[in-house]
């Protein structure tokens, strides 16, 4: 999985550089998120602007990261979702679990 990581405003921002998060790469995403949290980066924003599709394994990877961050008293938020990806979160009601922001500025304003 192609991920670019950057520290911004006290958050570790993970830019997902893939069009899909699915069974093919979701385990890599989960492992990457867990490694960041274990390294002490407990406040993360996953930027999903380039992602056009997420399946159940992708949702599971993000949820596992969310739970891992919460267990360390951290947060995992999502930003820049395309409409079709947001629809998947709404369909599964995971939009009630995750903090979902329109963009990074919105995330930083509301999470600070």
N, C-alpha and C. Protein backbone atom coordinates (compact mmCIF):
# COMPACT_ATOMS: atom_id res chain seq x y z
N UNK A 1 0.84 -1.18 0.00
CA UNK A 1 0.00 0.00 0.00
C UNK A 1 0.88 1.24 0.00
N UNK A 2 0.50 2.19 -0.78
CA UNK A 2 1.25 3.44 -0.90
C UNK A 2 0.65 4.48 0.05
N UNK A 3 1.40 4.82 1.09
CA UNK A 3 0.96 5.78 2.11
C UNK A 3 2.07 6.80 2.32
N UNK A 4 1.70 8.05 2.32
CA UNK A 4 2.63 9.12 2.67
C UNK A 4 2.22 9.64 4.03
N UNK A 5 3.19 9.75 4.93
CA UNK A 5 2.91 10.17 6.30
C UNK A 5 3.58 11.51 6.55
N UNK A 6 2.85 12.40 7.22
CA UNK A 6 3.37 13.74 7.51
C UNK A 6 2.84 14.19 8.87
N UNK A 7 3.68 14.86 9.64
CA UNK A 7 3.25 15.44 10.92
C UNK A 7 2.73 16.85 10.66
N UNK A 8 1.49 17.10 11.05
CA UNK A 8 0.88 18.42 10.89
C UNK A 8 0.02 18.74 12.10
N UNK A 9 0.23 19.90 12.70
CA UNK A 9 -0.61 20.37 13.81
C UNK A 9 -0.77 19.34 14.92
N UNK A 10 0.28 18.59 15.21
CA UNK A 10 0.23 17.61 16.28
C UNK A 10 -0.42 16.29 15.90
N UNK A 11 -0.75 16.13 14.63
CA UNK A 11 -1.36 14.90 14.14
C UNK A 11 -0.43 14.21 13.15
N UNK A 12 -0.53 12.91 13.12
CA UNK A 12 0.13 12.14 12.08
C UNK A 12 -0.90 11.97 10.96
N UNK A 13 -0.65 12.61 9.83
CA UNK A 13 -1.58 12.54 8.71
C UNK A 13 -1.10 11.46 7.75
N UNK A 14 -1.98 10.53 7.46
CA UNK A 14 -1.68 9.43 6.55
C UNK A 14 -2.43 9.67 5.24
N UNK A 15 -1.71 9.97 4.19
CA UNK A 15 -2.29 10.18 2.87
C UNK A 15 -2.31 8.84 2.16
N UNK A 16 -3.49 8.31 1.91
CA UNK A 16 -3.63 7.03 1.23
C UNK A 16 -3.56 7.29 -0.27
N UNK A 17 -2.54 6.75 -0.91
CA UNK A 17 -2.30 6.98 -2.33
C UNK A 17 -2.71 5.76 -3.16
N UNK A 18 -3.92 5.31 -2.91
CA UNK A 18 -4.50 4.16 -3.61
C UNK A 18 -5.93 4.52 -3.99
N UNK A 19 -6.44 3.91 -5.06
CA UNK A 19 -7.83 4.11 -5.43
C UNK A 19 -8.76 3.18 -4.67
N UNK A 20 -8.21 2.08 -4.15
CA UNK A 20 -9.04 1.09 -3.47
C UNK A 20 -8.39 0.67 -2.15
N UNK A 21 -9.24 0.46 -1.16
CA UNK A 21 -8.82 -0.22 0.07
C UNK A 21 -9.70 -1.45 0.15
N UNK A 22 -9.09 -2.59 -0.11
CA UNK A 22 -9.86 -3.83 -0.19
C UNK A 22 -9.04 -4.99 0.37
N UNK A 23 -9.51 -6.20 0.14
CA UNK A 23 -8.85 -7.39 0.68
C UNK A 23 -7.39 -7.48 0.23
N UNK A 24 -7.09 -6.91 -0.90
CA UNK A 24 -5.73 -6.96 -1.45
C UNK A 24 -4.72 -6.17 -0.60
N UNK A 25 -5.15 -5.04 -0.02
CA UNK A 25 -4.19 -4.18 0.67
C UNK A 25 -4.60 -3.74 2.07
N UNK A 26 -5.77 -4.15 2.53
CA UNK A 26 -6.27 -3.66 3.83
C UNK A 26 -5.40 -4.11 5.00
N UNK A 27 -4.82 -5.30 4.92
CA UNK A 27 -3.95 -5.75 6.01
C UNK A 27 -2.70 -4.87 6.11
N UNK A 28 -2.18 -4.44 4.97
CA UNK A 28 -1.03 -3.52 4.97
C UNK A 28 -1.39 -2.20 5.64
N UNK A 29 -2.59 -1.70 5.35
CA UNK A 29 -3.05 -0.45 5.97
C UNK A 29 -3.18 -0.62 7.48
N UNK A 30 -3.81 -1.69 7.89
CA UNK A 30 -3.99 -1.94 9.32
C UNK A 30 -2.63 -2.01 10.02
N UNK A 31 -1.71 -2.76 9.45
CA UNK A 31 -0.38 -2.91 10.04
C UNK A 31 0.33 -1.55 10.12
N UNK A 32 0.23 -0.75 9.09
CA UNK A 32 0.87 0.56 9.07
C UNK A 32 0.31 1.46 10.17
N UNK A 33 -1.02 1.48 10.31
CA UNK A 33 -1.65 2.30 11.34
C UNK A 33 -1.22 1.84 12.73
N UNK A 34 -1.25 0.54 12.97
CA UNK A 34 -0.86 0.00 14.28
C UNK A 34 0.60 0.34 14.58
N UNK A 35 1.48 0.24 13.59
CA UNK A 35 2.89 0.58 13.79
C UNK A 35 3.05 2.06 14.17
N UNK A 36 2.29 2.94 13.53
CA UNK A 36 2.37 4.36 13.85
C UNK A 36 1.92 4.60 15.30
N UNK A 37 0.84 3.94 15.70
CA UNK A 37 0.32 4.11 17.06
C UNK A 37 1.32 3.57 18.07
N UNK A 38 1.88 2.40 17.79
CA UNK A 38 2.87 1.81 18.70
C UNK A 38 4.13 2.67 18.79
N UNK A 39 4.40 3.47 17.76
CA UNK A 39 5.55 4.38 17.77
C UNK A 39 5.24 5.67 18.52
N UNK A 40 4.03 5.75 19.08
CA UNK A 40 3.65 6.92 19.88
C UNK A 40 2.83 7.96 19.16
N UNK A 41 2.53 7.71 17.89
CA UNK A 41 1.70 8.64 17.11
C UNK A 41 0.24 8.24 17.30
N UNK A 42 -0.35 8.68 18.42
CA UNK A 42 -1.68 8.19 18.78
C UNK A 42 -2.82 9.04 18.23
N UNK A 43 -2.52 10.19 17.65
CA UNK A 43 -3.55 11.03 17.04
C UNK A 43 -3.31 11.08 15.54
N UNK A 44 -4.20 10.42 14.82
CA UNK A 44 -4.01 10.27 13.38
C UNK A 44 -5.22 10.80 12.62
N UNK A 45 -4.94 11.32 11.43
CA UNK A 45 -5.98 11.65 10.46
C UNK A 45 -5.63 10.89 9.19
N UNK A 46 -6.57 10.08 8.73
CA UNK A 46 -6.37 9.33 7.49
C UNK A 46 -7.06 10.12 6.38
N UNK A 47 -6.26 10.60 5.43
CA UNK A 47 -6.75 11.42 4.34
C UNK A 47 -7.06 10.50 3.16
N UNK A 48 -8.32 10.47 2.75
CA UNK A 48 -8.81 9.48 1.79
C UNK A 48 -9.18 10.08 0.43
N UNK A 49 -8.64 11.21 0.09
CA UNK A 49 -9.03 11.91 -1.13
C UNK A 49 -8.91 11.08 -2.40
N UNK A 50 -7.89 10.25 -2.50
CA UNK A 50 -7.68 9.47 -3.72
C UNK A 50 -8.41 8.14 -3.73
N UNK A 51 -9.01 7.77 -2.60
CA UNK A 51 -9.68 6.47 -2.48
C UNK A 51 -11.08 6.56 -3.08
N UNK A 52 -11.36 5.66 -4.03
CA UNK A 52 -12.66 5.64 -4.69
C UNK A 52 -13.53 4.47 -4.25
N UNK A 53 -12.91 3.48 -3.57
CA UNK A 53 -13.66 2.29 -3.17
C UNK A 53 -13.07 1.71 -1.90
N UNK A 54 -13.95 1.34 -0.98
CA UNK A 54 -13.55 0.65 0.25
C UNK A 54 -14.49 -0.53 0.43
N UNK A 55 -13.94 -1.73 0.61
CA UNK A 55 -14.79 -2.89 0.89
C UNK A 55 -14.79 -3.18 2.39
N UNK A 56 -15.43 -4.28 2.78
CA UNK A 56 -15.57 -4.59 4.21
C UNK A 56 -14.22 -4.80 4.89
N UNK A 57 -13.25 -5.35 4.18
CA UNK A 57 -11.94 -5.54 4.81
C UNK A 57 -11.24 -4.20 5.00
N UNK A 58 -11.45 -3.26 4.10
CA UNK A 58 -10.91 -1.92 4.27
C UNK A 58 -11.55 -1.20 5.45
N UNK A 59 -12.86 -1.34 5.57
CA UNK A 59 -13.56 -0.76 6.72
C UNK A 59 -13.04 -1.38 8.01
N UNK A 60 -12.82 -2.70 7.98
CA UNK A 60 -12.30 -3.40 9.16
C UNK A 60 -10.92 -2.92 9.55
N UNK A 61 -10.07 -2.65 8.57
CA UNK A 61 -8.72 -2.16 8.85
C UNK A 61 -8.77 -0.79 9.51
N UNK A 62 -9.62 0.10 9.00
CA UNK A 62 -9.75 1.43 9.59
C UNK A 62 -10.35 1.34 10.99
N UNK A 63 -11.33 0.46 11.17
CA UNK A 63 -11.95 0.30 12.49
C UNK A 63 -10.95 -0.27 13.49
N UNK A 64 -10.13 -1.22 13.07
CA UNK A 64 -9.10 -1.77 13.96
C UNK A 64 -8.12 -0.68 14.38
N UNK A 65 -7.74 0.19 13.44
CA UNK A 65 -6.87 1.31 13.77
C UNK A 65 -7.53 2.27 14.74
N UNK A 66 -8.81 2.53 14.53
CA UNK A 66 -9.57 3.40 15.43
C UNK A 66 -9.56 2.84 16.85
N UNK A 67 -9.85 1.56 16.97
CA UNK A 67 -9.89 0.92 18.30
C UNK A 67 -8.51 0.91 18.95
N UNK A 68 -7.48 0.68 18.16
CA UNK A 68 -6.11 0.66 18.69
C UNK A 68 -5.72 2.04 19.20
N UNK A 69 -6.07 3.08 18.45
CA UNK A 69 -5.77 4.45 18.88
C UNK A 69 -6.55 4.77 20.16
N UNK A 70 -7.81 4.39 20.21
CA UNK A 70 -8.63 4.67 21.39
C UNK A 70 -8.08 3.97 22.63
N UNK A 71 -7.56 2.76 22.45
CA UNK A 71 -6.98 2.01 23.57
C UNK A 71 -5.76 2.71 24.15
N UNK A 72 -5.10 3.54 23.33
CA UNK A 72 -3.92 4.30 23.77
C UNK A 72 -4.29 5.75 24.11
N UNK A 73 -5.60 6.00 24.29
CA UNK A 73 -6.13 7.35 24.56
C UNK A 73 -5.86 8.32 23.42
N UNK A 74 -5.86 7.79 22.20
CA UNK A 74 -5.65 8.61 21.02
C UNK A 74 -6.91 8.67 20.17
N UNK A 75 -6.74 9.19 18.97
CA UNK A 75 -7.86 9.33 18.04
C UNK A 75 -7.42 8.98 16.64
N UNK A 76 -8.35 8.43 15.88
CA UNK A 76 -8.15 8.23 14.46
C UNK A 76 -9.36 8.83 13.76
N UNK A 77 -9.14 9.89 13.00
CA UNK A 77 -10.21 10.56 12.27
C UNK A 77 -9.96 10.36 10.77
N UNK A 78 -10.99 10.64 9.98
CA UNK A 78 -10.92 10.48 8.53
C UNK A 78 -11.23 11.82 7.87
N UNK A 79 -10.60 12.07 6.73
CA UNK A 79 -10.89 13.31 6.02
C UNK A 79 -10.86 13.11 4.51
N UNK A 80 -11.43 14.10 3.82
CA UNK A 80 -11.39 14.19 2.35
C UNK A 80 -11.99 12.97 1.65
N UNK A 81 -13.09 12.46 2.17
CA UNK A 81 -13.72 11.28 1.56
C UNK A 81 -14.48 11.65 0.29
N UNK A 82 -14.34 10.82 -0.72
CA UNK A 82 -15.18 10.96 -1.89
C UNK A 82 -16.58 10.46 -1.55
N UNK A 83 -17.56 10.95 -2.27
CA UNK A 83 -18.97 10.67 -1.97
C UNK A 83 -19.25 9.17 -1.90
N UNK A 84 -18.74 8.39 -2.84
CA UNK A 84 -19.05 6.96 -2.86
C UNK A 84 -18.44 6.23 -1.66
N UNK A 85 -17.32 6.71 -1.16
CA UNK A 85 -16.71 6.12 0.03
C UNK A 85 -17.51 6.51 1.27
N UNK A 86 -17.91 7.77 1.35
CA UNK A 86 -18.74 8.21 2.47
C UNK A 86 -20.05 7.42 2.51
N UNK A 87 -20.61 7.12 1.34
CA UNK A 87 -21.85 6.33 1.28
C UNK A 87 -21.67 4.96 1.93
N UNK A 88 -20.50 4.36 1.75
CA UNK A 88 -20.23 3.06 2.37
C UNK A 88 -20.20 3.19 3.89
N UNK A 89 -19.61 4.26 4.40
CA UNK A 89 -19.59 4.49 5.84
C UNK A 89 -21.00 4.74 6.37
N UNK A 90 -21.82 5.45 5.61
CA UNK A 90 -23.20 5.70 6.03
C UNK A 90 -24.02 4.41 6.00
N UNK A 91 -23.84 3.61 4.98
CA UNK A 91 -24.57 2.35 4.84
C UNK A 91 -24.27 1.41 6.01
N UNK A 92 -23.03 1.38 6.43
CA UNK A 92 -22.62 0.50 7.54
C UNK A 92 -22.73 1.20 8.90
N UNK A 93 -23.15 2.46 8.87
CA UNK A 93 -23.30 3.30 10.07
C UNK A 93 -21.97 3.57 10.79
N UNK A 94 -20.88 3.34 10.11
CA UNK A 94 -19.58 3.66 10.70
C UNK A 94 -19.34 5.17 10.76
N UNK A 95 -20.17 5.93 10.05
CA UNK A 95 -20.08 7.39 10.16
C UNK A 95 -20.46 7.85 11.57
N UNK A 96 -21.10 6.98 12.34
CA UNK A 96 -21.43 7.30 13.73
C UNK A 96 -20.27 6.97 14.67
N UNK A 97 -19.32 6.19 14.19
CA UNK A 97 -18.16 5.79 14.99
C UNK A 97 -17.00 6.77 14.76
N UNK A 98 -16.69 6.99 13.50
CA UNK A 98 -15.54 7.83 13.13
C UNK A 98 -15.91 9.31 13.10
N UNK A 99 -14.94 10.14 13.43
CA UNK A 99 -15.04 11.56 13.13
C UNK A 99 -14.62 11.69 11.67
N UNK A 100 -15.52 12.22 10.84
CA UNK A 100 -15.26 12.35 9.41
C UNK A 100 -15.32 13.83 9.06
N UNK A 101 -14.23 14.32 8.46
CA UNK A 101 -14.11 15.75 8.15
C UNK A 101 -14.00 15.95 6.65
N UNK A 102 -14.49 17.12 6.20
CA UNK A 102 -14.46 17.41 4.77
C UNK A 102 -13.04 17.60 4.25
N UNK A 103 -12.16 18.16 5.10
CA UNK A 103 -10.77 18.36 4.69
C UNK A 103 -9.89 18.43 5.94
N UNK A 104 -8.60 18.55 5.73
CA UNK A 104 -7.67 18.57 6.86
C UNK A 104 -7.85 19.80 7.74
N UNK A 105 -8.13 20.96 7.15
CA UNK A 105 -8.35 22.16 7.96
C UNK A 105 -9.51 21.94 8.92
N UNK A 106 -10.58 21.34 8.43
CA UNK A 106 -11.74 21.03 9.26
C UNK A 106 -11.35 20.06 10.38
N UNK A 107 -10.55 19.07 10.05
CA UNK A 107 -10.11 18.09 11.05
C UNK A 107 -9.27 18.77 12.14
N UNK A 108 -8.33 19.61 11.74
CA UNK A 108 -7.46 20.26 12.71
C UNK A 108 -8.24 21.23 13.59
N UNK A 109 -9.19 21.94 13.01
CA UNK A 109 -10.00 22.89 13.77
C UNK A 109 -10.84 22.18 14.82
N UNK A 110 -11.43 21.05 14.45
CA UNK A 110 -12.35 20.34 15.34
C UNK A 110 -11.66 19.37 16.29
N UNK A 111 -10.47 18.93 15.98
CA UNK A 111 -9.78 17.96 16.82
C UNK A 111 -8.80 18.61 17.79
N UNK A 112 -8.49 19.87 17.58
CA UNK A 112 -7.51 20.54 18.44
C UNK A 112 -8.10 20.92 19.78
